[in-house]
Protein backbone atom coordinates (compact mmCIF):
# COMPACT_ATOMS: atom_id res chain seq x y z
CA MET A 1 67.01 58.35 48.20
CA LEU A 2 65.77 61.84 47.73
CA GLN A 3 67.67 65.40 48.06
CA SER A 4 67.14 69.02 47.72
CA GLU A 5 67.97 69.71 44.59
CA ASN A 6 68.52 73.76 45.74
CA ASN A 7 69.71 75.22 49.49
CA ARG A 8 66.83 76.57 49.89
CA GLY A 9 65.65 75.32 53.48
CA GLU A 10 66.83 72.02 54.98
CA PRO A 11 67.00 69.14 53.04
CA PHE A 12 64.60 66.21 52.20
CA SER A 13 64.23 63.11 54.38
CA ALA A 14 66.99 60.60 53.99
CA GLY A 15 64.25 58.37 51.93
CA PRO A 16 60.44 56.97 52.46
CA VAL A 17 58.60 56.14 55.33
CA ASN A 18 57.35 52.65 55.03
CA LEU A 19 53.94 52.02 55.95
CA GLY A 20 51.52 49.29 57.18
CA PHE A 21 48.65 50.80 54.63
CA ASP A 22 48.00 52.52 51.44
CA ALA A 23 48.79 55.91 51.48
CA GLY A 24 48.78 56.95 47.80
CA GLY A 25 47.47 60.23 46.75
CA VAL A 26 47.52 62.10 49.91
CA PHE A 27 48.93 65.24 50.36
CA ALA A 28 49.22 66.23 54.11
CA ALA A 29 50.19 70.01 53.80
CA GLY A 30 52.11 70.29 57.66
CA THR A 31 51.35 73.34 59.62
CA ASP A 32 52.57 76.93 59.57
CA SER A 33 55.04 76.35 62.24
CA VAL A 34 56.53 73.61 60.88
CA LYS A 35 56.17 74.23 56.94
CA CYS A 36 56.66 70.51 56.01
CA PHE A 37 55.04 68.82 53.87
CA CYS A 38 54.42 64.76 53.37
CA LEU A 39 53.35 62.89 49.91
CA GLY A 40 51.89 59.14 49.72
CA LYS A 41 52.58 56.89 47.00
CA GLY A 42 51.30 53.10 48.04
CA LYS A 43 52.49 52.35 50.99
CA GLN A 44 55.26 54.96 51.53
CA ALA A 45 55.46 58.40 52.65
CA PHE A 46 57.52 60.83 51.43
CA LEU A 47 58.37 64.29 53.93
CA GLY A 48 59.54 67.22 51.80
CA GLN A 49 61.77 69.77 52.00
CA TYR A 50 61.42 72.50 54.79
CA ALA A 51 60.34 75.26 53.35
CA GLY A 52 61.40 78.46 56.16
CA ASP A 53 59.27 81.35 56.69
CA ILE A 54 56.19 81.53 54.33
CA ARG A 55 54.86 83.98 55.59
CA SER A 56 55.48 86.46 53.43
CA PRO A 57 54.47 86.44 49.78
CA GLU A 58 57.99 85.67 48.56
CA GLY A 59 58.30 82.54 50.94
CA PHE A 60 54.78 81.62 50.36
CA GLU A 61 55.75 81.71 46.50
CA LEU A 62 59.35 79.36 47.14
CA PHE A 63 56.94 76.82 49.30
CA LYS A 64 54.73 76.08 46.04
CA GLU A 65 57.01 75.70 43.92
CA SER A 66 58.95 73.51 46.20
CA TYR A 67 55.79 71.30 46.20
CA GLY A 68 55.06 71.62 42.80
CA ARG A 69 59.15 69.85 41.73
CA PHE A 70 58.84 67.54 44.89
CA ARG A 71 55.32 65.83 43.67
CA LYS A 72 57.19 65.91 40.25
CA ARG A 73 60.03 63.84 41.44
CA VAL A 74 58.10 61.40 43.68
CA GLY A 75 55.32 60.85 40.48
CA VAL A 76 52.58 61.57 42.69
CA GLU A 77 49.22 62.96 41.74
CA PRO A 78 47.01 63.87 45.07
CA VAL A 79 43.94 63.15 45.04
CA LEU A 80 43.15 63.94 49.02
CA ALA A 81 44.66 66.57 51.35
CA ALA A 82 44.87 66.85 54.78
CA ALA A 83 45.59 69.97 57.13
CA ASP A 84 45.62 71.57 60.45
CA LEU A 85 42.67 72.76 62.55
CA GLN A 86 44.42 76.18 63.57
CA PRO A 87 42.02 78.94 61.51
CA GLY A 88 43.47 81.36 59.49
CA ASP A 89 46.51 78.27 58.79
CA LEU A 90 48.03 79.19 55.45
CA LEU A 91 49.16 75.75 54.80
CA LYS A 92 45.16 75.07 55.04
CA GLY A 93 44.47 77.04 52.67
CA PHE A 94 46.95 75.70 50.38
CA ALA A 95 45.67 72.32 50.55
CA HIS A 96 42.34 73.63 50.28
CA ASP A 97 42.90 76.05 47.13
CA LEU A 98 44.00 72.47 45.26
CA GLY A 99 40.34 71.97 44.60
CA LEU A 100 40.38 68.50 46.85
CA PRO A 101 38.72 66.85 49.37
CA LEU A 102 40.25 68.07 52.09
CA ILE A 103 40.24 66.16 55.84
CA ARG A 104 41.46 68.09 58.61
CA VAL A 105 44.05 66.81 61.19
CA GLN A 106 44.02 67.99 65.19
CA ARG A 107 48.06 68.54 65.10
CA HIS A 108 48.87 66.18 68.77
CA HIS A 109 46.67 63.01 67.16
CA ALA A 110 48.88 63.87 64.21
CA LEU A 111 52.07 63.46 66.33
CA ILE A 112 50.44 60.28 67.72
CA ALA A 113 49.54 59.01 64.56
CA SER A 114 52.82 59.70 63.10
CA CYS A 115 54.62 57.36 65.83
CA MET A 116 52.21 54.75 65.14
CA ALA A 117 52.74 54.76 62.04
CA GLU A 118 56.86 54.50 62.00
CA ASN A 119 56.62 51.53 64.73
CA SER A 120 53.48 49.63 62.76
CA LEU A 121 51.03 50.07 65.48
CA GLU A 122 47.28 49.07 63.98
CA GLU A 123 45.53 49.14 67.61
CA ASP A 124 44.77 51.90 69.87
CA VAL A 125 47.63 53.20 72.34
CA ILE A 126 47.89 55.55 74.99
CA GLY A 127 48.87 58.81 73.44
CA VAL A 128 51.12 61.06 75.14
CA ALA A 129 51.84 64.84 72.87
CA PHE A 130 53.76 67.12 74.62
CA GLY A 131 54.82 69.74 72.55
CA GLY A 132 54.63 73.30 71.15
CA ALA A 133 50.73 74.73 71.09
CA GLY A 134 47.97 73.50 67.96
CA TYR A 135 44.49 74.72 67.60
CA GLY A 136 41.93 72.33 69.96
CA ASP A 137 38.59 70.45 69.64
CA ASP A 138 37.68 73.01 72.00
CA GLY A 139 39.26 76.47 70.15
CA ASN A 140 41.98 76.64 72.86
CA LEU A 141 45.31 76.03 72.15
CA TRP A 142 46.41 72.21 73.32
CA GLY A 143 50.07 70.32 73.65
CA GLY A 144 49.98 68.48 77.16
CA GLU A 145 47.94 66.03 75.63
CA PHE A 146 46.94 62.02 77.21
CA LEU A 147 44.85 60.70 74.32
CA LEU A 148 43.20 57.68 72.98
CA CYS A 149 44.08 57.04 69.65
CA SER A 150 43.36 55.17 66.64
CA LEU A 151 45.02 55.76 63.42
CA GLY A 152 42.20 57.40 62.36
CA ASP A 153 40.28 59.05 65.56
CA CYS A 154 41.50 60.15 68.96
CA GLN A 155 39.80 61.35 72.13
CA ARG A 156 41.05 62.73 74.82
CA HIS A 157 41.41 62.31 78.17
CA ALA A 158 42.78 64.84 80.05
CA HIS A 159 45.62 67.50 79.22
CA LEU A 160 47.71 70.09 81.38
CA GLU A 161 45.69 73.29 83.44
CA TYR A 162 45.53 75.77 80.79
CA LEU A 163 47.35 78.80 81.14
CA PRO A 164 46.69 82.15 79.73
CA LEU A 165 49.14 83.46 77.32
CA PRO A 166 49.48 87.37 77.03
CA GLY A 167 50.16 88.72 73.31
CA GLY A 168 48.62 85.14 71.79
CA ASP A 169 50.51 82.03 70.02
CA ALA A 170 52.99 84.79 68.69
CA MET A 171 54.68 86.03 72.08
CA ALA A 172 54.99 82.59 72.95
CA GLY A 173 58.28 82.59 72.91
CA GLU A 174 58.65 85.80 74.82
CA PRO A 175 60.66 85.44 77.81
CA GLY A 176 59.25 86.24 80.90
CA TRP A 177 55.79 86.08 79.73
CA PRO A 178 54.95 82.47 80.71
CA GLY A 179 56.49 82.86 83.81
CA PHE A 180 54.80 85.50 84.59
CA SER A 181 51.12 83.71 83.48
CA LEU A 182 51.77 81.02 85.46
CA LEU A 183 53.15 82.36 89.21
CA ASN A 184 50.00 84.80 87.84
CA GLN A 185 47.70 82.17 87.87
CA VAL A 186 48.71 80.19 90.86
CA PHE A 187 49.46 83.26 93.32
CA GLY A 188 47.77 85.85 92.25
CA SER A 189 47.67 89.61 93.83
CA LYS A 190 50.79 87.91 96.45
CA MET A 191 52.65 87.28 93.33
CA SER A 192 53.92 90.60 93.89
CA ASP A 193 55.02 89.54 97.17
CA LEU A 194 57.39 86.48 96.07
CA ASP A 195 61.03 87.58 96.92
CA ILE A 196 62.37 86.05 94.28
CA PRO A 197 65.12 87.60 91.23
CA PHE A 198 62.06 87.13 88.80
CA ILE A 199 59.95 88.92 90.14
CA ASN A 200 62.34 91.63 91.84
CA THR A 201 63.86 92.49 87.85
CA MET A 202 60.46 92.70 86.52
CA GLU A 203 59.37 96.31 85.19
CA LYS A 204 56.26 97.64 86.48
CA LYS A 205 55.24 98.65 83.03
CA ARG A 206 55.73 95.06 81.73
CA VAL A 207 54.10 93.78 84.25
CA GLN A 208 51.29 96.03 83.99
CA ALA A 209 51.22 95.31 80.03
CA MET A 210 51.02 91.46 80.73
CA LEU A 211 48.13 91.69 83.80
CA GLN A 212 45.81 93.98 81.11
CA ALA A 213 46.43 91.49 78.73
CA ILE A 214 45.13 88.68 81.06
CA ASP A 215 42.67 90.41 82.51
CA SER A 216 41.11 91.40 79.18
CA LYS A 217 40.95 87.91 77.69
CA ARG A 218 41.23 89.93 74.12
CA ASN A 219 44.62 88.81 73.39
CA ALA A 220 45.72 86.28 76.04
CA PRO A 221 44.31 82.75 74.85
CA LEU A 222 44.16 79.96 77.18
CA CYS A 223 46.96 77.17 76.41
CA CYS A 224 48.11 73.87 77.39
CA ALA A 225 51.95 73.15 75.91
CA VAL A 226 54.35 71.84 77.51
CA ASP A 227 56.49 74.06 75.54
CA ASN A 228 55.00 76.38 77.23
CA LEU A 229 55.30 75.44 80.88
CA PHE A 230 58.97 74.41 79.98
CA ASN A 231 59.67 78.12 78.67
CA ALA A 232 57.72 79.30 82.19
CA VAL A 233 59.97 77.44 84.18
CA SER A 234 63.04 78.76 82.62
CA ALA A 235 62.41 82.49 83.55
CA ILE A 236 61.40 81.82 87.06
CA LEU A 237 64.53 79.98 87.26
CA GLU A 238 66.21 82.86 84.75
CA ILE A 239 67.98 80.56 82.89
CA GLU A 240 69.58 82.45 79.66
CA ASN A 241 67.83 81.35 76.27
CA THR A 242 66.01 83.38 73.59
CA GLY A 243 63.17 83.29 74.29
CA SER A 244 62.36 79.84 72.08
CA PRO A 245 60.35 77.20 74.27
CA ALA A 246 62.60 74.71 72.48
CA GLU A 247 65.51 76.74 73.46
CA ALA A 248 64.10 76.72 77.33
CA SER A 249 63.69 72.83 77.15
CA GLY A 250 66.97 72.42 76.11
CA TRP A 251 68.66 74.84 78.88
CA LEU A 252 67.00 73.41 81.33
CA GLU A 253 68.11 69.72 80.44
CA SER A 254 71.42 70.66 80.13
CA ILE A 255 71.50 71.86 83.86
CA ILE A 256 70.00 68.61 85.36
CA GLU A 257 71.63 67.29 88.10
CA PRO A 258 71.18 63.65 87.15
CA GLU A 259 71.44 62.04 90.86
CA VAL A 260 68.62 64.09 92.32
CA LYS A 261 65.22 61.89 93.12
CA GLY A 262 63.05 64.27 94.50
CA MET A 263 60.42 65.87 92.71
CA TYR A 264 57.39 68.31 93.05
CA SER A 265 53.43 67.87 94.04
CA PHE A 266 50.68 67.50 91.61
CA ILE A 267 47.14 66.98 91.32
CA PRO A 268 46.02 64.64 88.52
CA GLY A 269 42.69 64.81 87.00
CA GLN A 270 40.66 65.05 83.50
CA THR A 271 42.60 68.36 84.14
CA ILE A 272 46.15 68.19 85.83
CA SER A 273 47.24 71.00 87.95
CA VAL A 274 51.11 71.65 88.25
CA ARG A 275 49.59 74.64 91.08
CA PRO A 276 51.46 72.59 94.01
CA MET A 277 54.35 72.12 91.56
CA THR A 278 54.91 76.19 91.18
CA GLU A 279 54.67 76.81 94.70
CA GLU A 280 57.49 74.15 95.52
CA MET A 281 59.27 75.30 92.75
CA VAL A 282 59.17 79.11 94.01
CA GLU A 283 59.75 78.09 97.83
CA ASP A 284 63.11 76.16 97.08
CA ILE A 285 64.18 79.39 94.65
CA MET A 286 63.79 81.26 97.70
CA ARG A 287 65.91 78.73 99.92
CA HIS A 288 68.36 79.01 97.36
CA VAL A 289 67.97 75.68 96.03
CA ARG A 290 70.33 75.23 92.95
CA PRO A 291 68.56 75.59 89.82
CA GLY A 292 69.98 72.05 88.85
CA ILE A 293 68.29 70.45 91.41
CA ILE A 294 65.25 72.42 90.60
CA SER A 295 65.67 71.63 87.16
CA ALA A 296 65.88 67.98 88.06
CA LYS A 297 63.14 67.87 90.64
CA PHE A 298 60.67 69.55 87.76
CA HIS A 299 61.75 66.88 84.95
CA ASN A 300 61.38 64.14 87.47
CA THR A 301 57.41 65.49 88.35
CA MET A 302 56.92 65.65 84.46
CA ALA A 303 57.63 61.77 83.70
CA ASP A 304 55.79 61.21 86.81
CA ILE A 305 52.67 63.48 85.60
CA ILE A 306 53.12 61.02 82.13
CA CYS A 307 53.22 57.50 84.67
CA VAL A 308 50.28 58.23 86.94
CA MET A 309 48.45 59.65 83.77
CA ALA A 310 48.80 56.71 81.76
CA GLU A 311 48.17 53.87 84.74
CA ASN A 312 44.59 55.54 85.07
CA ILE A 313 43.52 55.47 81.05
CA ARG A 314 45.15 51.70 81.35
CA LYS A 315 42.39 50.89 84.17
CA LYS A 316 39.85 52.28 82.20
CA THR A 317 40.49 51.36 78.87
CA SER A 318 43.08 48.09 79.21
CA VAL A 319 45.51 49.47 76.66
CA ASN A 320 49.08 49.00 77.73
CA LYS A 321 50.78 50.20 74.38
CA ILE A 322 51.89 54.06 75.20
CA VAL A 323 53.33 56.56 72.14
CA LEU A 324 55.02 59.53 73.45
CA SER A 325 55.72 62.11 70.71
CA GLY A 326 56.08 65.64 69.91
CA GLU A 327 58.74 68.64 70.56
CA THR A 328 59.29 68.04 74.21
CA PHE A 329 60.52 64.70 73.86
CA ARG A 330 63.54 65.97 72.16
CA ASN A 331 64.87 65.85 75.73
CA ARG A 332 66.41 62.91 75.77
CA PHE A 333 66.52 62.63 79.84
CA LEU A 334 62.42 63.36 79.75
CA LEU A 335 62.09 60.52 77.49
CA GLU A 336 64.54 58.41 78.60
CA LYS A 337 62.90 59.07 82.50
CA ALA A 338 59.65 58.81 81.04
CA GLY A 339 60.29 55.68 79.00
CA ASN A 340 62.02 53.47 81.99
CA TRP A 341 59.40 54.38 84.43
CA LEU A 342 56.74 53.10 81.91
CA ARG A 343 58.31 50.00 81.27
CA GLN A 344 58.50 48.95 84.94
CA LEU A 345 55.12 49.68 84.87
CA HIS A 346 55.03 47.25 82.15
CA PHE A 347 53.77 49.26 79.58
CA GLU A 348 54.91 48.63 76.23
CA VAL A 349 56.78 52.21 75.45
CA PHE A 350 57.07 53.57 71.62
CA SER A 351 58.79 57.02 70.49
CA ASN A 352 59.47 58.67 66.91
CA GLY A 353 62.57 58.63 65.34
CA PRO A 354 64.94 61.66 65.43
CA ALA A 355 62.87 62.83 62.08
CA GLN A 356 59.50 62.84 62.76
CA ALA A 357 59.82 63.72 66.81
CA GLY A 358 58.27 67.30 66.06
CA ASP A 359 58.07 68.87 62.87
CA GLY A 360 57.92 66.30 60.18
CA GLY A 361 56.03 64.22 62.24
CA ILE A 362 52.97 66.24 61.74
CA ALA A 363 52.87 66.10 58.27
CA LEU A 364 53.46 62.09 58.48
CA GLY A 365 50.90 61.85 60.89
CA GLN A 366 48.33 63.98 58.97
CA LEU A 367 48.86 61.80 56.08
CA THR A 368 48.45 58.71 58.17
CA VAL A 369 44.97 59.75 59.68
CA ALA A 370 43.60 60.84 56.12
CA ALA A 371 44.54 57.90 54.71
CA HIS A 372 43.20 55.75 57.28
CA ARG A 373 39.66 57.78 57.44
CA ARG A 374 39.58 57.72 53.28
CA GLU A 375 39.49 53.66 53.77
CA THR A 376 36.53 54.13 56.51
CA HIS A 377 34.53 56.61 54.31
CA LEU A 378 35.16 54.33 50.75
CA LYS A 379 33.72 51.94 52.82
CA ASN A 380 30.49 53.93 53.69
CA GLY A 381 30.40 54.74 49.71
CA SER A 382 32.13 58.39 49.84
CA ILE A 383 35.08 60.38 51.06
CA ASN A 384 33.91 63.30 53.77
CA ASP A 385 34.91 66.67 52.32
CA GLU A 386 35.92 68.27 55.76
CA THR A 387 36.49 71.95 54.37
CA ARG A 388 34.36 73.31 56.58
């Protein structure tokens, strides 16, 4: 068992993840937001130390030192690197600077692949990746994904509707901003007429600043991350949190009245609209429905979205195995509710172990995808360098 040799950051994983394929010599960098790397040695994956804040020169140097020590302890000399798609990602730059062939892996494909690796799944799966924002193939921020995945590739089948994120990814955790953006998208100019505390207590200067950011489109990227939706709902309900999407999910889960069976409406499709849900939720707030009931109906709706979309994809593909992965599924109520409903529909349901539910899973998934792309490329005579 590998343990950290100092108290910087969190400890190493309790042990290697056993794999059903050769990942020897693959280094997966993780992402700037995750800051956990992974190394492959034979048919095992070793998760490195959580690095803390790497945005400062000192923090980045500590990360590099940690990588060097860990590589020596595991006894791996990398020959292939994997990193995220995000432009400007520091760890992608670090992987590139190693001078190795580089394979880029979309964050949410990596999450699904990590669960496939943990559960020794080799065939195609329906992947539901719910969590934080990650750069997507279309240049927008993904995070509410319904994918068809193999270990080396994935196809996007559907996603939650995009929402402008005023202030960019740096403001994703700012209390109020996601909630304001959601209400503005649904109600537009009529938003100011909504008689709910969230709107009534908002400062006019703040409203104008957010409207300008959305209207200018210069600093309001489009985002469909489910964590962002949880943050929006938490803000609209005025549930106390520090602005962290993960905390918003936890607060909403903590107030659920579990006996509630109702749910809100949504519109399925390639782009899944939660506008009807938002309208009905606001109506509940105006009728003074208890927040615990609203939270329960919201969670039930998210579980229903998963089931409806999974059935749609199964009809098109005949794929019956489904993977639920991403930070949002640390919400036990949602994971268990969706999992139970899917099993009633005769799906085979898989999810990550605790260590790989979010952070570590991205690096493990990158390693998994890179190892399988390497195998495919070598059959064709070379490893495809995706540094550009």
